[in-house]
Amino acid sequence: MKKMRVILLAAAFMGGGLALQASAQDANLGRNLGASCVTCHGKNATGTGTLDGMPKDRLMQTMKDFKSGARPATLMHQLSKGYTEQQVELLAEYFSKQKAQ
């Protein structure tokens, strides 16, 4: 089980790394960055908690809290530190526009 988690995390990081190389002008950057989020969170409430439809401000504050350590987590406190404020805003904008299932 632990080996599977490591493999999934590696895939998420690689996907995120590819997305980070995208141009800031890319209209799909939020979606591209969010592709690694669904590894754990799933799509349409199938993972640890869907991000689809989450209000933009709430998602941004949650990521800020993970980053600062104000909100405890097993992985998100580490993952959140890899995103810039602009990338978090793009992610929040993308997920806020997705229809929650």
Protein backbone atom coordinates (compact mmCIF):
# COMPACT_ATOMS: atom_id res chain seq x y z
CA MET A 1 0.00 0.00 0.00
CA LYS A 2 2.82 2.39 0.91
CA LYS A 3 4.55 1.63 -2.39
CA MET A 4 1.35 2.52 -4.30
CA ARG A 5 1.09 5.86 -2.44
CA VAL A 6 4.70 6.68 -3.37
CA ILE A 7 3.98 5.86 -7.02
CA LEU A 8 0.84 8.03 -7.01
CA LEU A 9 2.71 10.92 -5.41
CA ALA A 10 5.52 10.62 -7.93
CA ALA A 11 2.97 10.73 -10.75
CA ALA A 12 1.33 13.80 -9.21
CA PHE A 13 4.65 15.59 -8.90
CA MET A 14 5.66 14.73 -12.46
CA GLY A 15 2.31 15.93 -13.79
CA GLY A 16 2.62 19.12 -11.79
CA GLY A 17 6.16 19.65 -13.04
CA LEU A 18 5.03 19.40 -16.64
CA ALA A 19 2.21 21.83 -15.99
CA LEU A 20 4.58 24.31 -14.36
CA GLN A 21 6.52 24.50 -17.60
CA ALA A 22 3.46 25.82 -19.41
CA SER A 23 3.44 29.44 -20.36
CA ALA A 24 1.71 31.92 -18.06
CA GLN A 25 -0.24 32.97 -21.15
CA ASP A 26 -1.77 29.49 -21.45
CA ALA A 27 -5.53 29.78 -20.98
CA ASN A 28 -5.60 26.19 -19.68
CA LEU A 29 -2.89 26.60 -17.05
CA GLY A 30 -5.35 26.30 -14.13
CA ARG A 31 -6.72 23.08 -15.59
CA ASN A 32 -3.22 21.78 -16.29
CA LEU A 33 -2.09 22.50 -12.74
CA GLY A 34 -5.26 20.90 -11.40
CA ALA A 35 -4.58 17.65 -13.24
CA SER A 36 -2.21 16.55 -10.50
CA CYS A 37 -4.78 17.41 -7.78
CA VAL A 38 -7.25 14.81 -9.01
CA THR A 39 -4.69 12.09 -8.30
CA CYS A 40 -5.72 12.26 -4.65
CA HIS A 41 -8.89 14.34 -4.66
CA GLY A 42 -10.50 12.54 -7.55
CA LYS A 43 -13.04 13.97 -9.91
CA ASN A 44 -16.71 14.32 -9.04
CA ALA A 45 -16.36 13.44 -5.33
CA THR A 46 -14.54 10.15 -5.86
CA GLY A 47 -11.39 10.96 -3.87
CA THR A 48 -10.51 12.47 -0.52
CA GLY A 49 -12.80 15.40 -1.22
CA THR A 50 -13.64 16.92 -4.54
CA LEU A 51 -12.41 20.40 -5.29
CA ASP A 52 -15.04 20.93 -7.98
CA GLY A 53 -17.31 23.85 -7.20
CA MET A 54 -15.33 24.96 -4.14
CA PRO A 55 -15.52 28.75 -3.82
CA LYS A 56 -12.36 30.42 -5.08
CA ASP A 57 -11.70 32.36 -1.87
CA ARG A 58 -12.15 29.25 0.27
CA LEU A 59 -9.73 27.19 -1.80
CA MET A 60 -7.15 29.99 -1.80
CA GLN A 61 -7.41 30.38 1.99
CA THR A 62 -7.18 26.63 2.50
CA MET A 63 -3.99 26.45 0.41
CA LYS A 64 -2.57 29.44 2.32
CA ASP A 65 -3.35 27.69 5.61
CA PHE A 66 -1.68 24.47 4.44
CA LYS A 67 1.36 26.43 3.30
CA SER A 68 1.72 28.29 6.62
CA GLY A 69 1.07 25.19 8.71
CA ALA A 70 -2.10 26.69 10.22
CA ARG A 71 -4.07 23.75 8.83
CA PRO A 72 -2.59 20.31 9.57
CA ALA A 73 -2.34 17.75 6.81
CA THR A 74 -0.50 14.60 5.86
CA LEU A 75 0.68 15.80 2.44
CA MET A 76 -0.93 19.11 1.53
CA HIS A 77 1.31 21.18 3.79
CA GLN A 78 4.25 19.97 1.68
CA LEU A 79 2.54 20.10 -1.71
CA SER A 80 1.13 23.59 -1.18
CA LYS A 81 4.63 25.02 -0.77
CA GLY A 82 5.36 24.09 -4.38
CA TYR A 83 2.79 26.52 -5.78
CA THR A 84 3.17 30.25 -6.23
CA GLU A 85 0.35 32.58 -5.19
CA GLN A 86 -0.52 33.07 -8.87
CA GLN A 87 -0.70 29.31 -9.45
CA VAL A 88 -2.95 28.87 -6.39
CA GLU A 89 -5.23 31.56 -7.77
CA LEU A 90 -5.35 29.82 -11.16
CA LEU A 91 -6.16 26.51 -9.47
CA ALA A 92 -8.85 28.10 -7.33
CA GLU A 93 -10.38 29.83 -10.36
CA TYR A 94 -10.43 26.58 -12.32
CA PHE A 95 -11.95 24.42 -9.58
CA SER A 96 -14.51 27.06 -8.61
CA LYS A 97 -15.90 26.93 -12.15
CA GLN A 98 -16.23 23.14 -12.22
CA LYS A 99 -19.64 21.69 -11.54
CA ALA A 100 -19.75 19.72 -8.30
CA GLN A 101 -21.35 16.30 -8.71
